[in-house]
C-alpha atoms as a PDB file:
ATOM      1  CA  MET A   1      -7.299 -11.242  15.490  1.00  0.00           C
ATOM      2  CA  GLU A   2      -3.991 -10.246  13.888  1.00  0.00           C
ATOM      3  CA  ASN A   3      -3.759  -9.281  10.201  1.00  0.00           C
ATOM      4  CA  GLY A   4      -0.039  -9.679   9.965  1.00  0.00           C
ATOM      5  CA  SER A   5       0.718  -6.208   8.570  1.00  0.00           C
ATOM      6  CA  GLU A   6       2.801  -5.313  11.635  1.00  0.00           C
ATOM      7  CA  GLU A   7       5.455  -7.700  10.378  1.00  0.00           C
ATOM      8  CA  LEU A   8       5.783  -6.284   6.986  1.00  0.00           C
ATOM      9  CA  PHE A   9       9.191  -4.759   6.245  1.00  0.00           C
ATOM     10  CA  ASN A  10      10.468  -5.777   9.544  1.00  0.00           C
ATOM     11  CA  GLY A  11       7.920  -3.935  11.580  1.00  0.00           C
ATOM     12  CA  PHE A  12       8.342  -0.653   9.650  1.00  0.00           C
ATOM     13  CA  TRP A  13       5.222  -0.933   7.613  1.00  0.00           C
ATOM     14  CA  PRO A  14       2.716   0.677  10.111  1.00  0.00           C
ATOM     15  CA  ILE A  15       4.776   3.887  10.246  1.00  0.00           C
ATOM     16  CA  MET A  16       5.449   3.793   6.506  1.00  0.00           C
ATOM     17  CA  LYS A  17       1.750   3.302   5.811  1.00  0.00           C
ATOM     18  CA  ARG A  18       0.795   6.278   7.782  1.00  0.00           C
ATOM     19  CA  PHE A  19       3.233   8.419   5.889  1.00  0.00           C
ATOM     20  CA  LEU A  20       2.085   7.010   2.584  1.00  0.00           C
ATOM     21  CA  LEU A  21      -1.602   7.480   3.300  1.00  0.00           C
ATOM     22  CA  LEU A  22      -0.942  11.201   4.109  1.00  0.00           C
ATOM     23  CA  LEU A  23       1.772  12.122   1.493  1.00  0.00           C
ATOM     24  CA  LEU A  24       1.001   9.972  -1.483  1.00  0.00           C
ATOM     25  CA  PRO A  25      -2.186  11.767  -2.421  1.00  0.00           C
ATOM     26  CA  LEU A  26      -0.456  15.212  -2.155  1.00  0.00           C
ATOM     27  CA  TRP A  27       2.560  14.089  -4.303  1.00  0.00           C
ATOM     28  CA  VAL A  28       0.248  12.580  -7.080  1.00  0.00           C
ATOM     29  CA  PHE A  29      -1.855  15.730  -6.993  1.00  0.00           C
ATOM     30  CA  LEU A  30       1.289  17.990  -7.196  1.00  0.00           C
ATOM     31  CA  ILE A  31       2.788  16.039  -9.951  1.00  0.00           C
ATOM     32  CA  GLY A  32      -0.473  15.937 -11.965  1.00  0.00           C
ATOM     33  CA  TYR A  33      -0.952  19.725 -11.508  1.00  0.00           C
ATOM     34  CA  SER A  34       2.547  20.430 -12.482  1.00  0.00           C
ATOM     35  CA  ALA A  35       2.094  18.322 -15.470  1.00  0.00           C
ATOM     36  CA  GLY A  36      -0.583  20.508 -16.642  1.00  0.00           C
ATOM     37  CA  LEU A  37      -3.644  18.404 -15.738  1.00  0.00           C
ATOM     38  CA  ASN A  38      -6.868  19.951 -14.896  1.00  0.00           C
ATOM     39  CA  ILE A  39      -7.263  20.551 -10.986  1.00  0.00           C
ATOM     40  CA  ILE A  40     -10.204  18.096 -10.863  1.00  0.00           C
ATOM     41  CA  ILE A  41      -8.538  15.258 -12.761  1.00  0.00           C
ATOM     42  CA  ALA A  42      -5.386  15.692 -10.480  1.00  0.00           C
ATOM     43  CA  ALA A  43      -7.519  15.619  -7.504  1.00  0.00           C
ATOM     44  CA  ILE A  44      -9.310  12.386  -8.590  1.00  0.00           C
ATOM     45  CA  LEU A  45      -5.915  10.779  -9.430  1.00  0.00           C
ATOM     46  CA  ALA A  46      -4.766  11.644  -6.013  1.00  0.00           C
ATOM     47  CA  GLY A  47      -7.691  10.194  -4.370  1.00  0.00           C
ATOM     48  CA  LEU A  48      -7.376   7.001  -6.449  1.00  0.00           C
ATOM     49  CA  SER A  49      -3.635   6.777  -5.174  1.00  0.00           C
ATOM     50  CA  VAL A  50      -4.860   6.121  -1.597  1.00  0.00           C
ATOM     51  CA  SER A  51      -6.244   2.724  -2.608  1.00  0.00           C
ATOM     52  CA  LEU A  52      -2.872   1.778  -4.039  1.00  0.00           C
ATOM     53  CA  VAL A  53      -1.490   1.498  -0.508  1.00  0.00           C
ATOM     54  CA  ALA A  54      -4.068  -0.900   0.629  1.00  0.00           C
ATOM     55  CA  VAL A  55      -3.801  -2.932  -2.605  1.00  0.00           C
ATOM     56  CA  PHE A  56       0.001  -3.256  -1.898  1.00  0.00           C
ATOM     57  CA  GLU A  57      -0.566  -4.263   1.558  1.00  0.00           C
ATOM     58  CA  ASN A  58      -2.788  -6.920   0.652  1.00  0.00           C
ATOM     59  CA  LEU A  59      -0.521  -8.256  -2.143  1.00  0.00           C
ATOM     60  CA  LYS A  60       2.428  -8.273   0.290  1.00  0.00           C
ATOM     61  CA  LEU A  61       0.521 -10.114   2.963  1.00  0.00           C
ATOM     62  CA  ARG A  62      -0.670 -12.767   0.453  1.00  0.00           C
ATOM     63  CA  ARG A  63       2.907 -13.353  -0.729  1.00  0.00           C
ATOM     64  CA  GLU A  64       4.033 -13.768   2.945  1.00  0.00           C
ATOM     65  CA  ASN A  65       1.260 -15.916   3.876  1.00  0.00           C
ATOM     66  CA  GLU A  66       2.032 -18.234   0.710  1.00  0.00           C
ATOM     67  CA  PHE A  67       5.684 -18.368   1.648  1.00  0.00           C
ATOM     68  CA  ALA A  68       4.820 -19.221   5.196  1.00  0.00           C
ATOM     69  CA  GLU A  69       2.270 -21.935   4.294  1.00  0.00           C
ATOM     70  CA  ASN A  70       4.802 -23.563   1.930  1.00  0.00           C
ATOM     71  CA  GLY A  71       7.039 -24.344   4.787  1.00  0.00           C
ATOM     72  CA  ASN A  72       4.110 -25.965   6.741  1.00  0.00           C
ATOM     73  CA  ASN A  73       3.413 -28.753   4.063  1.00  0.00           C
ATOM     74  CA  VAL A  74       2.965 -32.026   5.986  1.00  0.00           C
ATOM     75  CA  ILE A  75       1.983 -35.260   4.581  1.00  0.00           C
ATOM     76  CA  LYS A  76      -1.135 -36.548   6.149  1.00  0.00           C
END
């Protein structure tokens, strides 16, 4: 069963998702740490940033599915 994520961003999404899952928490942690946040708080924010990738993917898939379904309207 396909989830359609392979077609996001013209097929570039699976590669981009792997890099984001790896680098986004690191970036968030380093930004938080350099901003003077406590290490624990910066680590918690970095861990929460991983879920943003999944939320973004779900929103993008919903929009693409709605757009595709709008073209399939047939009067029955």
